[in-house]
């Protein structure tokens, strides 16, 4: 089969106005970024907000492995399949970060014949939204540092500044730095750090804000540090919320592109699900539900991360309620959860596959705790043996959930018809009784304990002294009733990336709790989770190039 980029470059794209017309959007509703990309004007919502919502199909996956699960491909392929069946469908995805695009993961526009296009643009600078977030974030950092240097009217304690800088690139060298070195005119020397841009609280705010007014209110609530008398300092105290909003005014608008088969795709916002809340914007999903009969969206990584955060955080702020969950799994990934090395995942090993199915079982059980009907999408690889596929299907039957083979990577929408029919059948039964897992008003530790035991399968929770202090301080400040956005490895249900399957008898370790008050959640950091990834020994960046005619090669 051709490479992803070859398939994308050979595709015949339709002018973006034609894609918009499928959603009853006129040329006046679109702000064009070339021939194949556009932003949707903010006034469209005023026209459609009273329409009934379409059905929301939430796509998630088993725990991530290097063998591949195919969640984004499945979401796009399912959209293409529904389109083939004549359904009015839109897919809502997150924007790829340049960090993983040039790092270990590659791009995030799907794969094979289940992609969103123009693939190169989406995976690179796209419409500049992530750059806008990074610029706004770093403007606030610069103003904060300048305030301290220029007399420090707010009496900010330089050693209690919380607002770090961000960059949309994997760079472990910036995890711990010293700023302000040099002479008297070079600022105040102190320790600091960088996070990757998609971990910025401003990115979370962009995805959770309902409109410009809500965006500005949330930006103002961001906690940036403390005074020398231990009083909180908020972003609004620095007087630059208007400037931040100006930088974000276009980023707040949804981006419209298309699938390889011409279905609309709204790609907006890019928070990771291991270190942030991992879902595309409320604005885009809410709009898509008014413009389509079926909306397929996805959350980052597995159901214990992006999906849980959608159900417990995004739903709470937006009212967006999934009607069905599609859980993506592959035999290869399940083999790894059964203890098989990456180089051997293509070999038939029913014993290992049986062990690995424990991971699938746990995610199915978790989704059912939220009251959602589940369809398991078995992402079929050419090396899969019939006996392996039958074993997975039998286990799904035993769990009381539907399973469907998906071959969207190799066949596009045609390869997703079985999955689409299963999803439509479940939707027709109307069995969703969606409910969040916990009450926001519970104490912080009780909420952490619920997630640790119910979702991750932990035996209990251990707290460092720093975490205990953070929880006590945030509770005293009145922020104990916020939902939790736990930062945890994506490679395991536990906080130890080496533990595969469905680990038991382990303890979740919380080492600190950060406050994202503008976004409206608290972030307990667990295990060794980092908010600035590093590059692998052989980064994808070494494979990417551009020829004399402007054709990009090596992007995956």
Protein backbone atom coordinates (compact mmCIF):
# COMPACT_ATOMS: atom_id res chain seq x y z
CA UNK A 1 0.00 0.00 0.00
CA UNK A 2 1.13 3.56 -0.65
CA UNK A 3 2.46 5.63 2.27
CA UNK A 4 0.08 7.97 4.07
CA UNK A 5 1.57 11.06 2.50
CA UNK A 6 1.50 9.53 -0.98
CA UNK A 7 -2.18 8.69 -0.60
CA UNK A 8 -2.93 12.18 0.69
CA UNK A 9 -1.00 13.89 -2.10
CA UNK A 10 -2.73 11.83 -4.82
CA UNK A 11 -6.20 12.64 -3.46
CA UNK A 12 -8.45 14.98 -5.41
CA UNK A 13 -9.60 17.53 -2.89
CA UNK A 14 -12.84 19.45 -3.25
CA UNK A 15 -12.89 23.24 -2.79
CA UNK A 16 -13.65 24.00 0.81
CA UNK A 17 -16.78 25.94 -0.18
CA UNK A 18 -18.27 22.66 -1.43
CA UNK A 19 -17.52 20.98 1.88
CA UNK A 20 -19.13 23.88 3.72
CA UNK A 21 -22.21 23.63 1.52
CA UNK A 22 -22.79 20.09 2.86
CA UNK A 23 -23.34 21.75 6.23
CA UNK A 24 -25.50 24.53 4.74
CA UNK A 25 -22.65 27.01 5.14
CA UNK A 26 -22.40 29.75 2.56
CA UNK A 27 -19.22 31.39 1.29
CA UNK A 28 -19.98 34.29 3.64
CA UNK A 29 -19.82 31.88 6.58
CA UNK A 30 -16.27 30.82 5.73
CA UNK A 31 -12.96 32.60 6.20
CA UNK A 32 -10.67 30.97 3.65
CA UNK A 33 -7.12 29.82 4.32
CA UNK A 34 -6.29 28.85 0.75
CA UNK A 35 -8.47 26.53 -1.36
CA UNK A 36 -8.93 23.65 1.08
CA UNK A 37 -9.03 25.14 4.58
CA UNK A 38 -11.34 27.63 6.21
CA UNK A 39 -12.45 28.95 9.55
CA UNK A 40 -16.15 29.08 10.30
CA UNK A 41 -17.39 32.54 11.20
CA UNK A 42 -18.59 33.07 14.76
CA UNK A 43 -22.03 34.27 13.64
CA UNK A 44 -23.00 30.83 12.34
CA UNK A 45 -23.70 29.68 15.89
CA UNK A 46 -26.27 32.44 16.36
CA UNK A 47 -28.16 31.09 13.35
CA UNK A 48 -28.14 27.39 14.27
CA UNK A 49 -28.04 27.24 18.07
CA UNK A 50 -31.74 26.38 18.42
CA UNK A 51 -31.57 23.36 16.10
CA UNK A 52 -31.76 19.88 17.66
CA UNK A 53 -28.46 18.07 18.17
CA UNK A 54 -27.33 15.16 16.07
CA UNK A 55 -25.99 11.96 17.61
CA UNK A 56 -22.54 12.11 19.23
CA UNK A 57 -20.30 9.08 18.60
CA UNK A 58 -17.31 9.09 20.95
CA UNK A 59 -14.24 7.19 19.71
CA UNK A 60 -11.65 5.98 22.19
CA UNK A 61 -9.21 3.07 22.46
CA UNK A 62 -7.46 0.47 24.56
CA UNK A 63 -4.19 1.47 26.22
CA UNK A 64 -1.65 2.76 23.70
CA UNK A 65 1.20 0.54 22.51
CA UNK A 66 3.90 0.94 19.84
CA UNK A 67 2.07 -1.77 17.87
CA UNK A 68 -0.72 0.67 17.00
CA UNK A 69 -4.43 0.84 17.81
CA UNK A 70 -5.72 3.20 15.09
CA UNK A 71 -8.16 5.42 16.97
CA UNK A 72 -7.93 8.51 14.73
CA UNK A 73 -8.00 6.37 11.59
CA UNK A 74 -11.11 4.64 12.89
CA UNK A 75 -12.88 7.91 13.71
CA UNK A 76 -12.19 9.24 10.22
CA UNK A 77 -12.98 5.92 8.51
CA UNK A 78 -16.25 5.61 10.43
CA UNK A 79 -17.18 9.10 9.25
CA UNK A 80 -16.39 8.09 5.66
CA UNK A 81 -18.46 4.92 6.03
CA UNK A 82 -21.45 6.84 7.37
CA UNK A 83 -21.02 9.20 4.43
CA UNK A 84 -21.12 6.25 2.03
CA UNK A 85 -24.40 5.24 3.63
CA UNK A 86 -25.85 8.65 2.82
CA UNK A 87 -25.69 10.00 6.38
CA UNK A 88 -25.02 13.66 7.09
CA UNK A 89 -21.85 13.27 9.11
CA UNK A 90 -18.97 15.36 10.45
CA UNK A 91 -15.81 14.28 12.25
CA UNK A 92 -14.39 16.48 15.04
CA UNK A 93 -10.70 16.03 15.84
CA UNK A 94 -7.84 17.78 17.62
CA UNK A 95 -5.07 19.63 15.84
CA UNK A 96 -1.69 17.82 15.70
CA UNK A 97 1.21 19.24 17.69
CA UNK A 98 4.56 19.76 15.99
CA UNK A 99 6.27 18.00 18.91
CA UNK A 100 5.12 14.45 18.10
CA UNK A 101 4.93 15.24 14.37
CA UNK A 102 8.73 15.66 14.34
CA UNK A 103 9.30 13.30 17.29
CA UNK A 104 8.32 9.68 17.74
CA UNK A 105 4.65 9.52 16.79
CA UNK A 106 4.44 11.34 13.48
CA UNK A 107 1.36 13.26 12.42
CA UNK A 108 -2.22 12.89 13.58
CA UNK A 109 -4.33 13.20 10.44
CA UNK A 110 -5.26 9.53 10.23
CA UNK A 111 -3.62 6.99 7.97
CA UNK A 112 -3.95 5.03 4.76
CA UNK A 113 -7.32 5.67 3.13
CA UNK A 114 -8.81 7.09 6.34
CA UNK A 115 -7.29 10.55 6.52
CA UNK A 116 -8.23 14.19 6.78
CA UNK A 117 -6.70 16.47 4.18
CA UNK A 118 -4.72 18.56 3.26
CA UNK A 119 -2.59 16.25 5.40
CA UNK A 120 0.66 18.24 5.27
CA UNK A 121 -1.03 21.50 6.27
CA UNK A 122 -2.98 19.91 9.13
CA UNK A 123 0.14 18.25 10.53
CA UNK A 124 2.31 21.36 10.25
CA UNK A 125 1.25 24.96 10.86
CA UNK A 126 -2.40 24.51 9.77
CA UNK A 127 -4.22 27.81 10.45
CA UNK A 128 -1.85 28.93 13.21
CA UNK A 129 -4.02 28.12 16.21
CA UNK A 130 -1.29 26.40 18.23
CA UNK A 131 1.12 29.24 17.46
CA UNK A 132 -1.50 31.71 18.70
CA UNK A 133 -1.84 29.77 21.96
CA UNK A 134 1.93 29.69 22.43
CA UNK A 135 2.28 33.40 21.69
CA UNK A 136 -0.49 34.34 24.11
CA UNK A 137 0.99 32.10 26.80
CA UNK A 138 4.48 33.55 26.41
CA UNK A 139 3.21 37.13 26.28
CA UNK A 140 1.71 36.57 29.72
CA UNK A 141 5.03 35.12 30.92
CA UNK A 142 6.93 38.13 29.57
CA UNK A 143 4.51 40.62 31.16
CA UNK A 144 4.70 38.76 34.46
CA UNK A 145 8.51 38.81 34.51
CA UNK A 146 8.54 42.46 33.43
CA UNK A 147 6.14 43.37 36.23
CA UNK A 148 8.55 41.90 38.78
CA UNK A 149 11.51 43.69 37.17
CA UNK A 150 9.74 47.07 36.90
CA UNK A 151 9.08 47.54 40.60
CA UNK A 152 6.77 44.60 41.41
CA UNK A 153 3.71 46.60 42.46
CA UNK A 154 1.82 43.36 43.14
CA UNK A 155 4.61 42.14 45.46
CA UNK A 156 4.90 38.86 43.53
CA UNK A 157 7.31 36.37 45.06
CA UNK A 158 9.79 35.42 42.27
CA UNK A 159 10.20 32.00 43.87
CA UNK A 160 6.45 31.35 43.73
CA UNK A 161 5.85 32.19 40.08
CA UNK A 162 3.77 29.35 38.59
CA UNK A 163 3.49 30.52 34.97
CA UNK A 164 6.15 28.79 32.87
CA UNK A 165 6.86 29.24 29.18
CA UNK A 166 5.77 26.94 26.36
CA UNK A 167 7.04 25.76 22.99
CA UNK A 168 5.37 23.46 20.45
CA UNK A 169 8.30 21.08 20.18
CA UNK A 170 9.66 18.15 22.17
CA UNK A 171 12.76 19.43 24.00
CA UNK A 172 13.79 17.75 27.25
CA UNK A 173 16.61 20.30 27.65
CA UNK A 174 13.99 22.87 28.65
CA UNK A 175 12.33 20.88 31.42
CA UNK A 176 14.37 22.69 34.07
CA UNK A 177 16.05 26.03 33.31
CA UNK A 178 17.27 29.23 34.95
CA UNK A 179 16.00 32.55 33.59
CA UNK A 180 17.13 36.11 34.19
CA UNK A 181 20.88 35.51 34.26
CA UNK A 182 23.19 38.36 33.32
CA UNK A 183 23.40 41.94 34.46
CA UNK A 184 20.99 44.18 36.40
CA UNK A 185 18.95 44.91 33.26
CA UNK A 186 18.40 41.26 32.36
CA UNK A 187 15.56 40.42 34.71
CA UNK A 188 15.31 38.57 38.00
CA UNK A 189 17.22 35.28 38.16
CA UNK A 190 15.12 32.28 39.15
CA UNK A 191 14.46 28.67 38.25
CA UNK A 192 11.75 27.97 35.68
CA UNK A 193 10.79 25.49 32.95
CA UNK A 194 9.07 25.02 29.61
CA UNK A 195 5.99 22.92 28.87
CA UNK A 196 4.89 21.82 25.41
CA UNK A 197 2.31 24.28 24.03
CA UNK A 198 -0.52 21.76 23.96
CA UNK A 199 -0.12 21.43 27.75
CA UNK A 200 -0.69 25.17 28.18
CA UNK A 201 -3.69 26.12 30.25
CA UNK A 202 -4.58 28.52 27.46
CA UNK A 203 -4.97 25.55 25.10
CA UNK A 204 -7.37 23.95 27.57
CA UNK A 205 -9.25 27.24 27.86
CA UNK A 206 -9.50 27.54 24.06
CA UNK A 207 -11.12 24.11 23.97
CA UNK A 208 -13.47 24.66 26.92
CA UNK A 209 -14.57 28.26 26.23
CA UNK A 210 -18.03 28.79 24.78
CA UNK A 211 -17.37 32.19 23.19
CA UNK A 212 -15.12 35.25 23.41
CA UNK A 213 -16.71 36.51 26.62
CA UNK A 214 -16.20 33.14 28.31
CA UNK A 215 -12.65 32.96 26.93
CA UNK A 216 -11.73 36.29 28.53
CA UNK A 217 -13.27 35.35 31.87
CA UNK A 218 -11.33 32.09 31.91
CA UNK A 219 -8.08 33.78 30.90
CA UNK A 220 -8.50 36.22 33.76
CA UNK A 221 -8.92 33.40 36.31
CA UNK A 222 -5.58 31.75 35.51
CA UNK A 223 -3.39 31.45 38.61
CA UNK A 224 0.10 32.72 37.75
CA UNK A 225 1.81 32.94 41.14
CA UNK A 226 1.67 34.12 44.73
CA UNK A 227 2.73 37.27 46.55
CA UNK A 228 5.34 37.31 49.28
CA UNK A 229 2.44 37.20 51.73
CA UNK A 230 1.15 34.03 49.98
CA UNK A 231 -1.86 35.66 48.33
CA UNK A 232 -2.79 34.34 44.85
CA UNK A 233 -1.98 36.40 41.76
CA UNK A 234 -4.26 35.93 38.75
CA UNK A 235 -3.66 36.76 35.10
CA UNK A 236 -6.27 39.52 35.27
CA UNK A 237 -4.14 41.32 37.87
CA UNK A 238 -1.52 41.99 35.18
CA UNK A 239 -3.94 43.90 32.93
CA UNK A 240 -3.29 42.10 29.63
CA UNK A 241 -6.35 39.88 29.16
CA UNK A 242 -7.46 42.04 26.25
CA UNK A 243 -4.14 41.48 24.50
CA UNK A 244 -4.32 37.71 25.07
CA UNK A 245 -7.84 37.66 23.65
CA UNK A 246 -6.73 39.61 20.57
CA UNK A 247 -4.01 37.04 19.91
CA UNK A 248 -6.60 34.26 20.22
CA UNK A 249 -9.49 35.84 18.32
CA UNK A 250 -9.02 33.78 15.15
CA UNK A 251 -7.88 30.66 17.00
CA UNK A 252 -11.25 30.62 18.74
CA UNK A 253 -12.99 29.85 15.41
CA UNK A 254 -13.38 26.23 14.25
CA UNK A 255 -11.31 24.96 11.31
CA UNK A 256 -13.09 23.23 8.42
CA UNK A 257 -11.31 20.68 6.22
CA UNK A 258 -12.38 17.34 4.68
CA UNK A 259 -11.82 13.60 4.76
CA UNK A 260 -10.30 11.81 1.78
CA UNK A 261 -13.86 10.96 0.70
CA UNK A 262 -15.19 14.48 1.06
CA UNK A 263 -16.98 14.50 4.42
CA UNK A 264 -16.66 17.64 6.56
CA UNK A 265 -14.04 17.63 9.31
CA UNK A 266 -13.83 20.22 12.09
CA UNK A 267 -10.32 20.18 13.55
CA UNK A 268 -9.92 22.56 16.44
CA UNK A 269 -7.73 22.68 19.53
CA UNK A 270 -4.97 20.27 20.46
CA UNK A 271 -4.60 19.33 24.14
CA UNK A 272 -2.85 16.01 24.85
CA UNK A 273 -4.81 13.58 27.01
CA UNK A 274 -1.90 12.38 29.14
CA UNK A 275 -0.96 15.86 30.41
CA UNK A 276 -4.13 17.81 29.58
CA UNK A 277 -7.83 17.06 28.96
CA UNK A 278 -7.31 15.63 25.49
CA UNK A 279 -10.42 16.65 23.54
CA UNK A 280 -11.17 19.06 20.71
CA UNK A 281 -13.06 22.28 21.36
CA UNK A 282 -16.56 22.60 22.73
CA UNK A 283 -17.16 25.24 20.06
CA UNK A 284 -16.41 22.82 17.19
CA UNK A 285 -18.30 19.82 18.58
CA UNK A 286 -21.29 21.89 19.62
CA UNK A 287 -21.45 23.45 16.14
CA UNK A 288 -21.06 20.13 14.35
CA UNK A 289 -23.96 18.66 16.32
CA UNK A 290 -26.21 21.43 15.01
CA UNK A 291 -25.03 21.02 11.42
CA UNK A 292 -24.98 17.19 11.17
CA UNK A 293 -27.08 14.17 12.03
CA UNK A 294 -24.04 12.22 13.23
CA UNK A 295 -20.85 13.60 14.73
CA UNK A 296 -17.82 11.38 15.31
CA UNK A 297 -15.27 12.71 17.77
CA UNK A 298 -12.27 11.21 19.56
CA UNK A 299 -10.34 11.72 22.76
CA UNK A 300 -6.61 11.34 23.16
CA UNK A 301 -5.07 7.98 24.06
CA UNK A 302 -7.17 5.38 25.88
CA UNK A 303 -10.55 5.44 27.59
CA UNK A 304 -8.92 6.07 30.99
CA UNK A 305 -7.54 9.37 29.67
CA UNK A 306 -9.28 11.35 26.91
CA UNK A 307 -12.65 9.62 27.30
CA UNK A 308 -12.78 9.91 31.09
CA UNK A 309 -11.83 13.58 30.85
CA UNK A 310 -14.56 14.24 28.28
CA UNK A 311 -17.16 12.51 30.41
CA UNK A 312 -16.12 14.11 33.71
CA UNK A 313 -14.85 17.54 32.60
CA UNK A 314 -16.07 18.51 29.11
CA UNK A 315 -19.59 17.24 29.70
CA UNK A 316 -19.77 19.15 32.97
CA UNK A 317 -18.95 22.47 31.31
CA UNK A 318 -20.79 21.98 28.02
CA UNK A 319 -23.58 19.48 28.51
CA UNK A 320 -22.23 17.54 25.52
CA UNK A 321 -23.36 13.94 26.00
CA UNK A 322 -22.12 10.97 23.98
CA UNK A 323 -24.74 8.56 22.65
CA UNK A 324 -22.36 5.65 22.05
CA UNK A 325 -18.69 4.83 22.63
CA UNK A 326 -16.56 3.16 19.98
CA UNK A 327 -13.60 1.37 21.58
CA UNK A 328 -10.76 0.71 19.13
CA UNK A 329 -8.50 -2.30 19.57
CA UNK A 330 -6.07 -4.28 17.43
CA UNK A 331 -4.78 -7.82 17.77
CA UNK A 332 -1.22 -6.48 17.60
CA UNK A 333 -1.76 -4.13 20.53
CA UNK A 334 -3.54 -6.79 22.57
CA UNK A 335 -0.62 -9.12 21.97
CA UNK A 336 1.70 -6.53 23.49
CA UNK A 337 -0.60 -6.27 26.51
CA UNK A 338 -0.23 -10.03 26.75
CA UNK A 339 3.53 -9.74 27.07
CA UNK A 340 4.64 -10.10 23.44
CA UNK A 341 7.61 -8.01 22.25
CA UNK A 342 6.92 -5.42 19.56
CA UNK A 343 8.89 -7.35 16.92
CA UNK A 344 6.67 -10.42 17.49
CA UNK A 345 3.20 -8.88 17.57
CA UNK A 346 2.36 -10.11 14.06
CA UNK A 347 2.86 -13.76 15.05
CA UNK A 348 -0.22 -15.73 16.06
CA UNK A 349 -0.11 -16.32 19.81
CA UNK A 350 -3.58 -17.03 21.18
CA UNK A 351 -2.31 -17.50 24.73
CA UNK A 352 -0.72 -14.04 24.79
CA UNK A 353 -3.75 -12.54 23.07
CA UNK A 354 -5.98 -14.05 25.74
CA UNK A 355 -3.88 -12.39 28.45
CA UNK A 356 -3.89 -9.07 26.60
CA UNK A 357 -7.65 -9.05 26.37
CA UNK A 358 -7.69 -8.07 30.05
CA UNK A 359 -6.91 -4.53 28.90
CA UNK A 360 -9.88 -4.51 26.53
CA UNK A 361 -12.12 -5.91 29.26
CA UNK A 362 -11.12 -3.16 31.70
CA UNK A 363 -11.82 -0.39 29.20
CA UNK A 364 -15.21 -1.90 28.31
CA UNK A 365 -16.05 -2.07 32.02
CA UNK A 366 -14.97 1.55 32.48
CA UNK A 367 -17.13 2.81 29.62
CA UNK A 368 -20.12 0.94 31.01
CA UNK A 369 -19.61 2.73 34.34
CA UNK A 370 -20.48 5.93 32.49
CA UNK A 371 -23.73 4.35 31.27
CA UNK A 372 -22.68 4.19 27.63
CA UNK A 373 -23.38 1.43 25.11
CA UNK A 374 -20.11 0.19 23.59
CA UNK A 375 -19.09 -0.97 20.13
CA UNK A 376 -15.62 -2.51 19.85
CA UNK A 377 -13.91 -1.68 16.56
CA UNK A 378 -11.31 -4.35 15.76
CA UNK A 379 -8.77 -2.53 13.62
CA UNK A 380 -7.71 -5.32 11.28
CA UNK A 381 -4.09 -5.63 10.15
CA UNK A 382 -3.01 -7.81 7.19
CA UNK A 383 -1.09 -10.12 9.56
CA UNK A 384 -4.14 -10.90 11.73
CA UNK A 385 -5.13 -14.56 11.71
CA UNK A 386 -8.80 -15.54 11.60
CA UNK A 387 -8.42 -17.40 14.90
CA UNK A 388 -7.18 -14.23 16.58
CA UNK A 389 -10.06 -12.12 15.30
CA UNK A 390 -12.56 -14.77 16.35
CA UNK A 391 -11.09 -14.86 19.87
CA UNK A 392 -11.52 -11.09 20.23
CA UNK A 393 -15.07 -11.25 18.87
CA UNK A 394 -16.00 -14.09 21.25
CA UNK A 395 -14.68 -12.16 24.22
CA UNK A 396 -16.73 -9.12 23.21
CA UNK A 397 -19.85 -11.29 23.04
CA UNK A 398 -19.09 -12.56 26.55
CA UNK A 399 -18.77 -8.95 27.71
CA UNK A 400 -22.14 -8.12 26.20
CA UNK A 401 -20.85 -5.61 23.65
CA UNK A 402 -20.94 -5.58 19.87
CA UNK A 403 -17.75 -6.03 17.89
CA UNK A 404 -17.12 -5.12 14.27
CA UNK A 405 -14.11 -5.47 12.01
CA UNK A 406 -12.67 -2.24 10.66
CA UNK A 407 -10.48 -2.08 7.57
CA UNK A 408 -10.66 1.65 6.99
CA UNK A 409 -6.90 2.13 6.64
CA UNK A 410 -6.74 -0.22 3.67
CA UNK A 411 -10.20 0.42 2.18
CA UNK A 412 -11.42 3.80 3.41
CA UNK A 413 -15.15 4.18 4.06
CA UNK A 414 -15.94 0.86 2.39
CA UNK A 415 -13.82 -0.84 5.04
CA UNK A 416 -15.86 0.75 7.81
CA UNK A 417 -19.36 -0.23 6.72
CA UNK A 418 -19.61 -3.14 9.15
CA UNK A 419 -18.57 -0.82 11.98
CA UNK A 420 -20.97 1.92 10.86
CA UNK A 421 -23.87 -0.54 10.73
CA UNK A 422 -23.07 -1.74 14.26
CA UNK A 423 -22.93 1.83 15.56
CA UNK A 424 -26.21 2.78 13.89
CA UNK A 425 -27.85 -0.36 15.28
CA UNK A 426 -26.76 0.52 18.81
CA UNK A 427 -27.91 4.10 18.38
CA UNK A 428 -31.33 2.91 17.21
CA UNK A 429 -31.74 0.98 20.46
CA UNK A 430 -31.28 4.18 22.49
CA UNK A 431 -29.69 2.44 25.46
CA UNK A 432 -27.44 5.30 26.58
CA UNK A 433 -27.87 6.28 30.22
CA UNK A 434 -24.83 8.54 30.38
CA UNK A 435 -23.62 9.75 33.77
CA UNK A 436 -20.31 11.21 35.03
CA UNK A 437 -18.32 9.09 37.45
CA UNK A 438 -18.03 11.52 40.37
CA UNK A 439 -19.60 14.61 41.89
CA UNK A 440 -17.35 17.66 41.50
CA UNK A 441 -18.23 18.75 45.05
CA UNK A 442 -16.51 15.77 46.63
CA UNK A 443 -13.18 16.45 48.41
CA UNK A 444 -10.11 16.36 46.15
CA UNK A 445 -8.70 13.17 47.66
CA UNK A 446 -12.02 11.37 47.37
CA UNK A 447 -12.23 12.24 43.67
CA UNK A 448 -8.68 11.04 43.08
CA UNK A 449 -9.48 7.82 44.93
CA UNK A 450 -12.56 7.18 42.76
CA UNK A 451 -10.56 7.59 39.55
CA UNK A 452 -7.64 5.55 40.88
CA UNK A 453 -9.77 2.60 41.95
CA UNK A 454 -12.67 2.68 39.51
CA UNK A 455 -10.91 3.68 36.28
CA UNK A 456 -7.23 2.79 36.68
CA UNK A 457 -7.69 -0.32 38.86
CA UNK A 458 -5.37 0.84 41.65
CA UNK A 459 -5.47 -0.58 45.15
CA UNK A 460 -5.03 2.85 46.69
CA UNK A 461 -3.36 6.26 46.42
CA UNK A 462 -0.11 7.57 47.92
CA UNK A 463 0.65 11.30 48.20
CA UNK A 464 4.01 13.03 48.43
CA UNK A 465 4.44 15.81 50.96
CA UNK A 466 4.23 18.32 48.08
CA UNK A 467 0.92 16.84 46.93
CA UNK A 468 -0.52 16.93 50.45
CA UNK A 469 0.46 20.60 50.75
CA UNK A 470 -1.03 21.42 47.34
CA UNK A 471 -4.33 19.75 48.18
CA UNK A 472 -4.59 21.50 51.54
CA UNK A 473 -3.82 24.90 50.00
CA UNK A 474 -6.24 24.52 47.07
CA UNK A 475 -9.00 23.34 49.38
CA UNK A 476 -8.43 26.31 51.71
CA UNK A 477 -8.57 28.68 48.71
CA UNK A 478 -12.00 27.29 47.79
CA UNK A 479 -11.04 25.31 44.71
CA UNK A 480 -11.65 21.83 46.03
CA UNK A 481 -14.90 21.48 44.07
CA UNK A 482 -13.23 21.60 40.64
CA UNK A 483 -13.06 18.45 38.49
CA UNK A 484 -9.77 16.59 38.07
CA UNK A 485 -7.58 16.31 34.99
CA UNK A 486 -5.09 13.66 36.09
CA UNK A 487 -1.74 13.69 34.28
CA UNK A 488 -0.77 10.06 33.82
CA UNK A 489 1.23 7.91 31.43
CA UNK A 490 -0.65 6.82 28.31
CA UNK A 491 1.26 3.52 28.13
CA UNK A 492 -0.49 1.81 31.04
CA UNK A 493 -3.71 1.88 33.01
CA UNK A 494 -1.38 2.38 35.98
CA UNK A 495 1.13 5.19 36.60
CA UNK A 496 3.97 2.85 35.55
CA UNK A 497 4.35 2.65 31.75
CA UNK A 498 5.95 -0.80 32.00
CA UNK A 499 2.78 -2.42 33.41
CA UNK A 500 0.63 -3.74 30.56
CA UNK A 501 -2.75 -5.45 30.48
CA UNK A 502 -4.93 -4.54 33.46
CA UNK A 503 -2.56 -4.27 36.46
CA UNK A 504 -3.84 -4.95 39.96
CA UNK A 505 -2.34 -4.60 43.43
CA UNK A 506 -0.55 -1.33 42.70
CA UNK A 507 -0.74 2.13 44.27
CA UNK A 508 -1.22 5.40 42.37
CA UNK A 509 1.38 8.00 43.40
CA UNK A 510 0.39 11.68 43.25
CA UNK A 511 3.47 13.86 43.46
CA UNK A 512 1.90 17.33 43.09
CA UNK A 513 -1.38 19.02 42.21
CA UNK A 514 -1.43 22.04 39.90
CA UNK A 515 -4.31 24.48 39.57
CA UNK A 516 -5.69 25.31 36.13
CA UNK A 517 -8.31 27.71 37.42
CA UNK A 518 -9.03 29.32 34.08
CA UNK A 519 -9.63 25.98 32.43
CA UNK A 520 -11.60 25.02 35.50
CA UNK A 521 -9.85 21.90 36.73
CA UNK A 522 -7.08 20.68 39.00
CA UNK A 523 -4.17 18.65 37.60
CA UNK A 524 -2.77 15.92 39.86
CA UNK A 525 0.59 14.80 38.41
CA UNK A 526 1.19 11.09 38.89
CA UNK A 527 4.22 8.84 38.55
CA UNK A 528 7.02 10.32 36.45
CA UNK A 529 4.71 12.21 34.08
CA UNK A 530 6.46 15.09 32.29
CA UNK A 531 4.77 18.11 30.68
CA UNK A 532 7.64 18.59 28.21
CA UNK A 533 8.31 15.45 26.12
CA UNK A 534 11.72 14.62 24.68
CA UNK A 535 12.80 13.43 21.25
CA UNK A 536 13.67 9.76 20.57
CA UNK A 537 17.11 8.68 19.42
CA UNK A 538 15.92 8.70 15.79
CA UNK A 539 13.22 11.40 15.54
CA UNK A 540 10.79 11.54 12.63
CA UNK A 541 12.34 14.93 11.83
CA UNK A 542 15.32 13.14 10.26
CA UNK A 543 13.03 11.58 7.63
CA UNK A 544 11.17 14.69 6.47
CA UNK A 545 12.24 16.76 3.47
CA UNK A 546 10.90 18.93 0.65
CA UNK A 547 11.91 18.76 -3.02
CA UNK A 548 12.52 21.54 -5.52
CA UNK A 549 8.86 21.53 -6.57
CA UNK A 550 7.64 21.99 -3.01
CA UNK A 551 6.50 18.41 -2.45
CA UNK A 552 6.93 17.25 1.15
CA UNK A 553 8.26 13.74 1.70
CA UNK A 554 8.68 11.57 4.79
CA UNK A 555 5.79 13.06 6.79
CA UNK A 556 3.68 10.32 8.33
